[in-house]
Amino acid sequence: MKKTNNENYALLVDFYELTMANGYFLTDKKDEIVYFDLFFRNVPDKGGYAIFAGLAQVIEYIENLRFTEDDIAYLRSKNRFDEGFLAYLKDFRFTGDIYAIPEGTVVFPGEPLITVRAKAIEAQLVETFLLLTINHQSLIATKASRIMRAAGERVVFEFGTRRAHGPSSAILGARAAYIAGVDGTSCTLTDKLYGVPASGTMAHSWIQIFDSEYDAFYAYAKLYPDNPTFLVDTYNVLESGVPNVIKVVKEVLWPQGLKKCNIRIDSGDLTYLSKEARKMLDAAGLTDCKIVVSNALDEKLITDLLNQGASIDAFGVGEKLITSKSDPVFGGVYKLVAVEKDGEIIPKIKISENVAKITTPHFKTLYRFYDKATDKAFADVICVHDEIIDENKEYLLFHPEFPWKKKTVTNFRVRNLRKPIFLNGKKVYTEPSLEEIRAYCQEELASLWDEVKRFDNPHVYIVDLSKKLWDIKMSFLKKD
C-alpha cells in the first residue's frame, strides 16, 4: 500500500533556499537551467558499501509539491520576500528532470545518486527534502544490511519504533530496514502504509499485571495459540520463565495439536541463557520452540553471540538499528555541477583546500562493471552523461586520485545504473513495489564480493572517473 501524502512539505526547506530563490527571481536567474548532484562522501561505520533508499518518498514529494495560501502568508510575514516572488510561488510546480539510481542499489562514495536538472529556483527548493529523505533511509538501510549479514540465515525484526527520532523516522526507518532484508517490524503503521510485516508479542507489563507469570503465559496461550511468543525474563529466565512456558505449552497447545512457539529473552547473558534454555526446552520435548533475543543488539554484538555458540533463532534489533547509533549520519550532500546556457552544458566545480570536498563537475551518468565469468561487480565508472562504454572493447580503469594506478579489463558487461524519474516535470518512471525493491537489493548484495561486505577493513570498491570526465575535472584544478 502506498502512502498518500496529506502533509504539506513545501516549507520543509532550509531558510536560505528561500532567500536564494527570491534572489534568483529578482536577478533573472529563475529560469536558468542548472544541474545538482546528490551524493555522499563516506560509508557509515567504515563499511565497504551503502544501500540507496528513499526514492519513493522523493517521487511522492515532487508530485505533491505546492505552496498553500497559508505558506505564502507566512513568507510575507517575514518581510524578506518580493511580492512578485510570492505570486510566483502560488503557482509553483516542479517542471524539471530528475535522474536517479533505483532504490535498493548498492552504492559507493562520490557517485551521483540523484541528479536534478531544473530551473534554478526549482532545483534549489527541493534540496533539503531530498537530502533528509535519502540521508535517513540510506543510513538505516545500510545499517540493517550489516545487521542482516551478521545474523546470517536467522530472522531479524526491527524493534526500534519507540527509540526512533520521531514518527517519520520510525515509519520510514522500518521501511528502509525492510528493503535491506529485515524480516519485519514492530511498527504497525509501517505495515499499514507500506506492507512491512508487523509483529509483536507481550511486554513485561503483561506478565506483571497477572497474579503470576504462569497465569500470564496461560492467558496469552489461550488467546493466541498459533505460534505464541513468551517473554521469559520478567522474573528469572531459567528458574521460572522457561519452566512456566513448558508447563503452559503442554497444557494449552499440545492438546490442540499445536507445537510451534517461541520464547524471548530481553536481558542478561544472552549466550548463557539461550544455551541453557535450549537444553531445557529440548529435554521437555519442545524442540519446535524457537529462541528470540533482544536488548541493545547490533551487528557486532550479534556476531559475538553467535561466535560464542549462543542458541538463537531470531533477533529483535531496536535502538541501534533505527538510529544507526554507531554512526548516525549518512553525510549526503547536494552540489551544483553544471549550468545550461543556449542548450550548452557548462560544467561547474567546487574547489576546497579539503580535498574530499572538491566536487566532480558536469552532468554525469554511472556505469557498473561485472565480470562475465563470475557475474560479480568489480568497478563503477562515473562518466559524462553522453558517454557509452563498449563491452566489446577493453577498458582502462585508473584511480581518480592516483591516476598512475591503472588496470585494463576485458570480458566484462556494463550496466548504466541511472534512470530518468521525471522529465519536464512528468513522472516517467514505473515504480517497483516494496517487495520488488527488497528482492532487487538482495540481488545487488549478492553481486558483491564478500571482501567488500566484511565489517573490518573491507576491500575498497573501485569507483573511477572516465578519462573524459577526469580531463574536465583536471582542467579546473590546473587553472592558475
Protein backbone atom coordinates (compact mmCIF):
# COMPACT_ATOMS: atom_id res chain seq x y z
CA MET A 1 0.00 0.00 0.00
CA LYS A 2 1.40 3.39 -0.99
CA LYS A 3 1.22 6.25 1.44
CA THR A 4 -0.89 9.21 0.35
CA ASN A 5 0.91 12.36 1.35
CA ASN A 6 -1.54 14.59 3.16
CA GLU A 7 1.22 16.70 4.71
CA ASN A 8 2.48 19.87 3.11
CA TYR A 9 6.26 19.85 2.90
CA ALA A 10 6.77 22.95 0.74
CA LEU A 11 8.33 24.86 3.65
CA LEU A 12 10.44 21.90 4.77
CA VAL A 13 13.46 23.78 3.48
CA ASP A 14 16.48 25.49 4.93
CA PHE A 15 15.62 29.18 5.02
CA TYR A 16 18.50 30.12 2.75
CA GLU A 17 16.89 28.16 -0.07
CA LEU A 18 14.01 30.63 0.02
CA THR A 19 16.22 33.70 0.20
CA MET A 20 18.32 32.38 -2.69
CA ALA A 21 15.19 31.53 -4.67
CA ASN A 22 13.92 35.05 -4.09
CA GLY A 23 17.30 36.32 -5.26
CA TYR A 24 17.20 34.19 -8.40
CA PHE A 25 13.76 35.62 -9.14
CA LEU A 26 14.92 39.21 -8.75
CA THR A 27 18.15 38.76 -10.75
CA ASP A 28 16.53 37.00 -13.72
CA LYS A 29 18.10 33.67 -12.76
CA LYS A 30 14.82 31.90 -12.04
CA ASP A 31 14.59 30.28 -15.47
CA GLU A 32 18.28 29.39 -15.80
CA ILE A 33 18.73 25.63 -16.10
CA VAL A 34 21.07 24.13 -13.51
CA TYR A 35 22.27 20.64 -12.56
CA PHE A 36 22.65 19.43 -8.98
CA ASP A 37 24.08 16.07 -7.85
CA LEU A 38 23.15 14.34 -4.61
CA PHE A 39 26.00 12.11 -3.41
CA PHE A 40 27.71 11.02 -0.20
CA ARG A 41 31.34 11.08 0.82
CA ASN A 42 31.84 8.21 3.30
CA VAL A 43 30.20 4.86 4.06
CA PRO A 44 28.84 4.73 7.64
CA ASP A 45 30.69 2.53 10.15
CA LYS A 46 33.69 2.49 7.79
CA GLY A 47 31.87 -0.15 5.77
CA GLY A 48 32.55 -1.22 2.23
CA TYR A 49 29.20 -0.26 0.69
CA ALA A 50 25.93 1.58 1.29
CA ILE A 51 22.34 0.95 0.15
CA PHE A 52 20.36 3.66 -1.61
CA ALA A 53 16.84 4.11 -0.22
CA GLY A 54 14.14 6.77 -0.06
CA LEU A 55 13.47 7.39 -3.75
CA ALA A 56 9.74 6.57 -3.44
CA GLN A 57 9.28 9.38 -0.92
CA VAL A 58 11.21 11.78 -3.15
CA ILE A 59 8.89 10.94 -6.04
CA GLU A 60 5.81 11.46 -3.87
CA TYR A 61 7.17 14.80 -2.64
CA ILE A 62 7.90 16.09 -6.14
CA GLU A 63 4.44 15.11 -7.38
CA ASN A 64 2.72 16.91 -4.49
CA LEU A 65 4.95 19.97 -4.09
CA ARG A 66 2.71 23.04 -3.73
CA PHE A 67 2.75 26.30 -1.76
CA THR A 68 -0.53 26.98 0.04
CA GLU A 69 -2.10 30.34 0.82
CA ASP A 70 -1.02 29.82 4.43
CA ASP A 71 2.58 29.22 3.29
CA ILE A 72 2.52 32.43 1.27
CA ALA A 73 1.09 34.38 4.19
CA TYR A 74 3.84 33.09 6.47
CA LEU A 75 6.55 34.07 4.00
CA ARG A 76 5.02 37.51 3.59
CA SER A 77 5.15 37.96 7.36
CA LYS A 78 8.95 37.59 7.30
CA ASN A 79 9.29 40.85 5.31
CA ARG A 80 12.09 39.32 3.27
CA PHE A 81 10.41 38.30 0.04
CA ASP A 82 9.34 40.22 -3.05
CA GLU A 83 5.61 40.18 -3.86
CA GLY A 84 6.38 39.05 -7.37
CA PHE A 85 8.25 36.06 -5.97
CA LEU A 86 5.36 35.23 -3.63
CA ALA A 87 2.95 35.38 -6.58
CA TYR A 88 5.28 33.03 -8.46
CA LEU A 89 5.17 30.55 -5.58
CA LYS A 90 1.36 30.42 -5.67
CA ASP A 91 1.50 28.56 -8.97
CA PHE A 92 4.76 26.72 -8.29
CA ARG A 93 5.18 23.25 -9.79
CA PHE A 94 8.32 21.22 -10.41
CA THR A 95 8.89 21.23 -14.19
CA GLY A 96 12.40 19.82 -14.44
CA ASP A 97 14.15 16.47 -14.88
CA ILE A 98 15.34 14.05 -12.21
CA TYR A 99 17.64 11.09 -12.80
CA ALA A 100 18.34 8.55 -10.06
CA ILE A 101 19.64 5.12 -9.17
CA PRO A 102 16.88 2.61 -8.28
CA GLU A 103 16.13 2.04 -4.62
CA GLY A 104 17.93 -0.92 -3.16
CA THR A 105 21.05 -0.39 -5.28
CA VAL A 106 24.43 -0.89 -3.63
CA VAL A 107 26.25 2.44 -3.89
CA PHE A 108 29.61 3.98 -3.07
CA PRO A 109 31.03 7.40 -2.15
CA GLY A 110 31.12 10.11 -4.79
CA GLU A 111 28.52 8.53 -7.06
CA PRO A 112 25.66 10.72 -8.34
CA LEU A 113 22.68 9.02 -6.66
CA ILE A 114 20.26 11.68 -7.86
CA THR A 115 20.72 14.45 -10.42
CA VAL A 116 18.24 17.31 -10.63
CA ARG A 117 18.14 19.27 -13.88
CA ALA A 118 15.72 22.13 -13.48
CA LYS A 119 15.22 25.86 -13.32
CA ALA A 120 17.38 27.36 -10.59
CA ILE A 121 14.54 28.08 -8.17
CA GLU A 122 13.04 24.61 -8.56
CA ALA A 123 16.36 22.84 -8.11
CA GLN A 124 17.21 24.90 -5.05
CA LEU A 125 13.89 24.49 -3.26
CA VAL A 126 13.92 20.66 -3.33
CA GLU A 127 17.40 20.37 -1.81
CA THR A 128 16.54 19.86 1.85
CA PHE A 129 13.77 17.31 1.38
CA LEU A 130 15.87 15.22 -1.00
CA LEU A 131 18.80 15.24 1.40
CA LEU A 132 16.91 14.46 4.60
CA THR A 133 14.97 11.67 2.89
CA ILE A 134 17.87 9.97 1.14
CA ASN A 135 20.27 10.52 4.05
CA HIS A 136 17.92 8.94 6.57
CA GLN A 137 16.65 5.94 4.64
CA SER A 138 20.01 5.13 3.08
CA LEU A 139 21.60 5.27 6.53
CA ILE A 140 19.08 2.86 8.06
CA ALA A 141 19.11 0.51 5.06
CA THR A 142 22.90 0.37 5.21
CA LYS A 143 22.88 -0.37 8.93
CA ALA A 144 20.17 -3.01 8.52
CA SER A 145 22.21 -4.72 5.82
CA ARG A 146 25.16 -5.02 8.18
CA ILE A 147 22.92 -6.49 10.87
CA MET A 148 21.40 -8.99 8.44
CA ARG A 149 24.86 -10.05 7.34
CA ALA A 150 25.84 -10.69 10.97
CA ALA A 151 22.66 -12.70 11.62
CA GLY A 152 23.20 -14.97 8.63
CA GLU A 153 20.12 -17.09 7.92
CA ARG A 154 18.43 -16.12 11.20
CA VAL A 155 15.31 -13.99 11.36
CA VAL A 156 15.69 -10.30 12.29
CA PHE A 157 12.91 -7.96 13.37
CA GLU A 158 13.20 -4.19 13.57
CA PHE A 159 12.09 -3.29 17.12
CA GLY A 160 13.11 0.36 17.35
CA THR A 161 9.89 2.34 16.96
CA ARG A 162 9.87 3.79 20.47
CA ARG A 163 13.53 4.81 20.26
CA ALA A 164 13.31 6.46 16.83
CA HIS A 165 13.82 10.19 16.41
CA GLY A 166 10.16 10.97 15.81
CA PRO A 167 7.25 9.38 13.92
CA SER A 168 8.67 9.72 10.41
CA SER A 169 11.97 8.17 11.47
CA ALA A 170 10.13 5.21 12.96
CA ILE A 171 7.83 4.67 9.98
CA LEU A 172 10.32 5.20 7.16
CA GLY A 173 13.22 3.71 9.08
CA ALA A 174 11.31 0.44 9.28
CA ARG A 175 10.63 0.68 5.55
CA ALA A 176 14.34 1.20 4.81
CA ALA A 177 15.35 -1.69 7.07
CA TYR A 178 12.91 -3.96 5.24
CA ILE A 179 14.45 -3.04 1.89
CA ALA A 180 17.81 -4.21 3.25
CA GLY A 181 16.45 -7.58 4.34
CA VAL A 182 14.94 -7.24 7.83
CA ASP A 183 12.02 -9.67 8.13
CA GLY A 184 9.52 -7.45 9.90
CA THR A 185 8.91 -4.52 12.24
CA SER A 186 7.19 -3.66 15.47
CA CYS A 187 5.78 -0.51 13.81
CA THR A 188 2.13 -1.15 12.97
CA LEU A 189 1.77 1.99 10.86
CA THR A 190 4.61 0.91 8.59
CA ASP A 191 2.70 -2.30 7.95
CA LYS A 192 -0.48 -0.38 7.14
CA LEU A 193 1.24 2.13 4.86
CA TYR A 194 3.87 0.00 3.17
CA GLY A 195 3.10 -3.64 3.88
CA VAL A 196 6.15 -4.33 6.03
CA PRO A 197 5.01 -7.26 8.23
CA ALA A 198 4.30 -6.06 11.76
CA SER A 199 4.71 -8.43 14.67
CA GLY A 200 4.78 -8.27 18.43
CA THR A 201 4.19 -10.37 21.49
CA MET A 202 3.98 -9.03 25.02
CA ALA A 203 5.72 -6.60 27.32
CA HIS A 204 6.83 -7.23 30.87
CA SER A 205 3.72 -5.31 31.97
CA TRP A 206 1.50 -8.12 30.60
CA ILE A 207 3.16 -10.55 32.94
CA GLN A 208 3.26 -8.20 35.91
CA ILE A 209 -0.43 -7.38 35.72
CA PHE A 210 -1.38 -11.04 36.33
CA ASP A 211 -1.12 -12.70 39.72
CA SER A 212 1.67 -14.95 38.45
CA GLU A 213 3.90 -15.48 35.46
CA TYR A 214 2.19 -18.80 34.85
CA ASP A 215 -1.23 -17.09 34.74
CA ALA A 216 0.08 -14.53 32.24
CA PHE A 217 1.50 -17.20 29.93
CA TYR A 218 -1.62 -19.35 30.25
CA ALA A 219 -3.93 -16.46 29.32
CA TYR A 220 -1.76 -15.49 26.36
CA ALA A 221 -1.61 -19.06 25.05
CA LYS A 222 -5.38 -19.36 25.28
CA LEU A 223 -5.86 -16.10 23.38
CA TYR A 224 -3.12 -16.59 20.77
CA PRO A 225 -2.39 -20.31 20.44
CA ASP A 226 -0.97 -20.03 16.93
CA ASN A 227 2.81 -19.81 17.44
CA PRO A 228 2.83 -17.58 20.57
CA THR A 229 5.95 -15.92 21.91
CA PHE A 230 6.51 -15.79 25.65
CA LEU A 231 8.73 -13.16 27.29
CA VAL A 232 10.64 -15.17 29.89
CA ASP A 233 12.91 -12.69 31.69
CA THR A 234 10.44 -10.74 33.85
CA TYR A 235 11.49 -12.62 36.98
CA ASN A 236 14.00 -15.37 36.27
CA VAL A 237 14.61 -16.89 32.85
CA LEU A 238 15.73 -20.37 33.88
CA GLU A 239 14.03 -20.81 37.25
CA SER A 240 10.54 -19.58 36.35
CA GLY A 241 10.25 -18.24 32.81
CA VAL A 242 11.19 -21.31 30.80
CA PRO A 243 9.58 -23.81 33.22
CA ASN A 244 6.29 -21.88 33.06
CA VAL A 245 6.43 -21.87 29.25
CA ILE A 246 6.96 -25.63 29.20
CA LYS A 247 4.01 -26.15 31.54
CA VAL A 248 1.67 -23.87 29.56
CA VAL A 249 2.64 -25.31 26.18
CA LYS A 250 1.89 -28.83 27.38
CA GLU A 251 -1.41 -27.79 28.97
CA VAL A 252 -2.74 -25.45 26.27
CA LEU A 253 -1.01 -26.00 22.93
CA TRP A 254 -0.26 -29.71 22.79
CA PRO A 255 -3.88 -30.78 23.41
CA GLN A 256 -4.78 -28.75 20.29
CA GLY A 257 -2.07 -30.42 18.25
CA LEU A 258 0.00 -27.20 18.23
CA LYS A 259 3.74 -27.35 18.78
CA LYS A 260 5.14 -24.09 17.44
CA CYS A 261 6.01 -21.40 19.96
CA ASN A 262 8.82 -19.03 20.88
CA ILE A 263 10.48 -17.61 23.93
CA ARG A 264 12.07 -14.16 24.03
CA ILE A 265 14.97 -13.21 26.29
CA ASP A 266 15.41 -9.45 26.70
CA SER A 267 18.15 -9.18 29.34
CA GLY A 268 21.06 -10.93 30.97
CA ASP A 269 23.82 -13.05 29.49
CA LEU A 270 22.14 -13.92 26.20
CA THR A 271 24.68 -16.57 25.26
CA TYR A 272 24.45 -18.48 28.53
CA LEU A 273 20.70 -18.09 28.92
CA SER A 274 19.93 -19.14 25.35
CA LYS A 275 22.13 -22.25 25.64
CA GLU A 276 20.56 -23.32 28.93
CA ALA A 277 17.04 -22.54 27.75
CA ARG A 278 17.61 -24.65 24.64
CA LYS A 279 18.64 -27.60 26.78
CA MET A 280 15.56 -27.24 28.99
CA LEU A 281 13.16 -26.89 26.06
CA ASP A 282 14.61 -29.86 24.19
CA ALA A 283 14.60 -32.05 27.29
CA ALA A 284 10.90 -31.25 27.77
CA GLY A 285 10.11 -32.12 24.15
CA LEU A 286 9.66 -28.51 22.97
CA THR A 287 12.08 -28.93 20.09
CA ASP A 288 9.89 -26.73 17.87
CA CYS A 289 10.15 -23.80 20.28
CA LYS A 290 12.39 -21.05 18.87
CA ILE A 291 14.53 -18.66 20.90
CA VAL A 292 14.36 -14.92 20.18
CA VAL A 293 16.68 -12.41 21.85
CA SER A 294 16.64 -8.64 22.08
CA ASN A 295 18.32 -5.91 24.18
CA ALA A 296 20.51 -3.25 22.51
CA LEU A 297 21.75 -5.50 19.73
CA ASP A 298 23.79 -4.53 16.69
CA GLU A 299 25.91 -6.35 14.13
CA LYS A 300 28.95 -6.58 16.41
CA LEU A 301 27.07 -7.98 19.40
CA ILE A 302 25.17 -10.42 17.18
CA THR A 303 28.47 -11.62 15.72
CA ASP A 304 29.92 -12.08 19.20
CA LEU A 305 26.88 -14.01 20.43
CA LEU A 306 26.99 -16.41 17.51
CA ASN A 307 30.75 -16.84 17.77
CA GLN A 308 30.20 -17.83 21.41
CA GLY A 309 27.79 -20.55 20.35
CA ALA A 310 24.58 -18.88 21.51
CA SER A 311 21.46 -20.88 20.68
CA ILE A 312 19.44 -18.17 18.95
CA ASP A 313 16.90 -18.44 16.14
CA ALA A 314 15.87 -14.79 15.77
CA PHE A 315 16.90 -11.29 16.81
CA GLY A 316 14.87 -8.22 17.72
CA VAL A 317 17.06 -5.19 16.98
CA GLY A 318 15.90 -1.80 18.22
CA GLU A 319 17.65 1.47 19.01
CA LYS A 320 21.00 0.67 17.42
CA LEU A 321 19.28 -0.05 14.12
CA ILE A 322 16.58 2.63 13.94
CA THR A 323 19.07 5.36 14.92
CA SER A 324 22.20 3.77 13.42
CA LYS A 325 23.68 4.57 16.79
CA SER A 326 27.29 3.71 15.98
CA ASP A 327 27.43 6.16 13.06
CA PRO A 328 24.20 8.18 12.85
CA VAL A 329 24.97 10.49 9.90
CA PHE A 330 24.94 9.41 6.26
CA GLY A 331 26.54 12.63 5.07
CA GLY A 332 24.87 13.08 1.71
CA VAL A 333 25.36 16.47 0.03
CA TYR A 334 23.69 18.33 -2.84
CA LYS A 335 26.03 20.30 -5.08
CA LEU A 336 25.76 22.35 -8.24
CA VAL A 337 27.71 20.60 -11.03
CA ALA A 338 26.64 22.43 -14.21
CA VAL A 339 24.53 25.17 -15.73
CA GLU A 340 22.93 25.23 -19.13
CA LYS A 341 23.02 28.19 -21.50
CA ASP A 342 21.57 28.16 -25.01
CA GLY A 343 21.47 24.38 -24.90
CA GLU A 344 25.12 24.04 -23.91
CA ILE A 345 26.01 22.31 -20.63
CA ILE A 346 28.71 24.27 -18.82
CA PRO A 347 30.38 22.25 -16.03
CA LYS A 348 30.85 23.83 -12.60
CA ILE A 349 33.13 22.74 -9.76
CA LYS A 350 33.53 23.48 -6.05
CA ILE A 351 37.21 23.64 -5.10
CA SER A 352 38.31 23.33 -1.50
CA GLU A 353 41.52 23.03 0.47
CA ASN A 354 39.82 19.95 1.91
CA VAL A 355 40.38 17.57 -0.99
CA ALA A 356 37.38 15.43 -0.05
CA LYS A 357 35.11 18.42 -0.64
CA ILE A 358 36.22 19.05 -4.23
CA THR A 359 33.28 18.14 -6.44
CA THR A 360 33.23 16.38 -9.79
CA PRO A 361 31.75 18.71 -12.42
CA HIS A 362 29.32 18.14 -15.28
CA PHE A 363 26.08 16.28 -15.98
CA LYS A 364 27.06 12.67 -15.38
CA THR A 365 25.95 9.07 -15.51
CA LEU A 366 27.21 5.91 -13.83
CA TYR A 367 28.21 2.51 -15.19
CA ARG A 368 28.78 -0.66 -13.18
CA PHE A 369 31.22 -3.28 -14.46
CA TYR A 370 30.55 -7.00 -13.96
CA ASP A 371 32.96 -9.86 -14.57
CA LYS A 372 31.27 -12.13 -17.13
CA ALA A 373 32.93 -15.21 -15.63
CA THR A 374 31.59 -14.66 -12.09
CA ASP A 375 28.85 -12.05 -12.61
CA LYS A 376 30.37 -10.14 -9.69
CA ALA A 377 30.59 -6.35 -9.75
CA PHE A 378 34.17 -5.12 -9.63
CA ALA A 379 34.14 -1.41 -10.53
CA ASP A 380 31.96 1.63 -11.14
CA VAL A 381 32.86 4.38 -13.57
CA ILE A 382 31.36 7.88 -13.44
CA CYS A 383 31.11 9.31 -16.95
CA VAL A 384 29.93 12.40 -18.75
CA HIS A 385 26.21 11.92 -19.43
CA ASP A 386 26.56 11.10 -23.13
CA GLU A 387 29.44 8.61 -22.87
CA ILE A 388 28.82 4.99 -23.85
CA ILE A 389 31.10 2.17 -22.74
CA ASP A 390 31.61 -0.55 -25.35
CA GLU A 391 31.57 -4.01 -23.75
CA ASN A 392 33.34 -5.46 -26.79
CA LYS A 393 36.48 -3.42 -26.23
CA GLU A 394 39.00 -3.49 -23.41
CA TYR A 395 38.64 -0.68 -20.89
CA LEU A 396 41.31 1.14 -18.89
CA LEU A 397 40.42 1.70 -15.24
CA PHE A 398 42.53 4.17 -13.28
CA HIS A 399 42.41 5.65 -9.80
CA PRO A 400 40.96 9.20 -10.00
CA GLU A 401 43.26 10.45 -7.22
CA PHE A 402 46.31 8.38 -8.16
CA PRO A 403 45.94 8.03 -11.95
CA TRP A 404 49.18 6.06 -12.31
CA LYS A 405 47.32 3.14 -10.72
CA LYS A 406 45.84 1.54 -13.84
CA LYS A 407 44.20 -1.71 -14.85
CA THR A 408 42.98 -2.85 -18.26
CA VAL A 409 39.88 -5.04 -18.07
CA THR A 410 38.24 -7.35 -20.58
CA ASN A 411 35.42 -9.91 -20.58
CA PHE A 412 33.03 -7.64 -18.76
CA ARG A 413 29.48 -6.38 -19.08
CA VAL A 414 28.28 -2.95 -18.01
CA ARG A 415 25.02 -1.60 -16.68
CA ASN A 416 24.02 2.03 -16.59
CA LEU A 417 22.67 2.40 -13.07
CA ARG A 418 20.79 5.65 -13.60
CA LYS A 419 17.22 6.02 -14.79
CA PRO A 420 15.10 9.04 -15.71
CA ILE A 421 12.48 9.60 -12.99
CA PHE A 422 10.93 12.90 -14.09
CA LEU A 423 11.21 14.59 -17.48
CA ASN A 424 9.74 18.07 -17.92
CA GLY A 425 8.02 17.67 -14.58
CA LYS A 426 6.22 14.45 -15.55
CA LYS A 427 6.98 11.13 -13.89
CA VAL A 428 8.29 8.67 -16.47
CA TYR A 429 9.49 6.02 -14.04
CA THR A 430 7.48 2.91 -13.25
CA GLU A 431 7.90 2.48 -9.51
CA PRO A 432 8.57 -1.06 -8.30
CA SER A 433 6.70 -2.45 -5.32
CA LEU A 434 8.43 -2.59 -1.96
CA GLU A 435 8.78 -6.36 -2.32
CA GLU A 436 10.44 -5.88 -5.71
CA ILE A 437 12.83 -3.30 -4.23
CA ARG A 438 13.67 -5.70 -1.41
CA ALA A 439 14.35 -8.59 -3.81
CA TYR A 440 16.44 -6.32 -6.04
CA CYS A 441 18.51 -5.26 -3.02
CA GLN A 442 19.35 -8.89 -2.26
CA GLU A 443 20.44 -9.37 -5.88
CA GLU A 444 22.64 -6.31 -5.55
CA LEU A 445 24.28 -7.60 -2.40
CA ALA A 446 24.84 -10.99 -4.00
CA SER A 447 26.75 -9.29 -6.81
CA LEU A 448 29.42 -8.01 -4.38
CA TRP A 449 32.47 -9.97 -3.38
CA ASP A 450 32.48 -10.92 0.31
CA GLU A 451 35.65 -8.90 0.76
CA VAL A 452 33.66 -5.71 0.09
CA LYS A 453 30.99 -6.72 2.62
CA ARG A 454 33.21 -7.61 5.57
CA PHE A 455 32.95 -5.40 8.67
CA ASP A 456 36.64 -4.81 9.36
CA ASN A 457 38.93 -3.33 6.72
CA PRO A 458 36.62 -4.05 3.78
CA HIS A 459 38.08 -4.11 0.30
CA VAL A 460 37.79 -0.64 -1.24
CA TYR A 461 35.49 -0.99 -4.22
CA ILE A 462 36.77 0.77 -7.34
CA VAL A 463 34.92 3.97 -8.32
CA ASP A 464 36.68 5.68 -11.21
CA LEU A 465 36.09 8.64 -13.45
CA SER A 466 36.13 8.18 -17.19
CA LYS A 467 39.14 9.71 -18.95
CA LYS A 468 36.90 12.36 -20.48
CA LEU A 469 35.42 13.36 -17.12
CA TRP A 470 38.79 13.23 -15.38
CA ASP A 471 40.27 15.57 -18.01
CA ILE A 472 37.41 18.03 -17.47
CA LYS A 473 37.93 17.98 -13.70
CA MET A 474 41.69 18.41 -14.06
CA SER A 475 41.19 21.37 -16.38
CA PHE A 476 39.54 23.23 -13.49
CA LEU A 477 42.11 22.18 -10.91
CA LYS A 478 45.10 23.12 -13.06
CA LYS A 479 43.91 26.65 -13.76
CA ASP A 480 46.20 29.38 -12.43
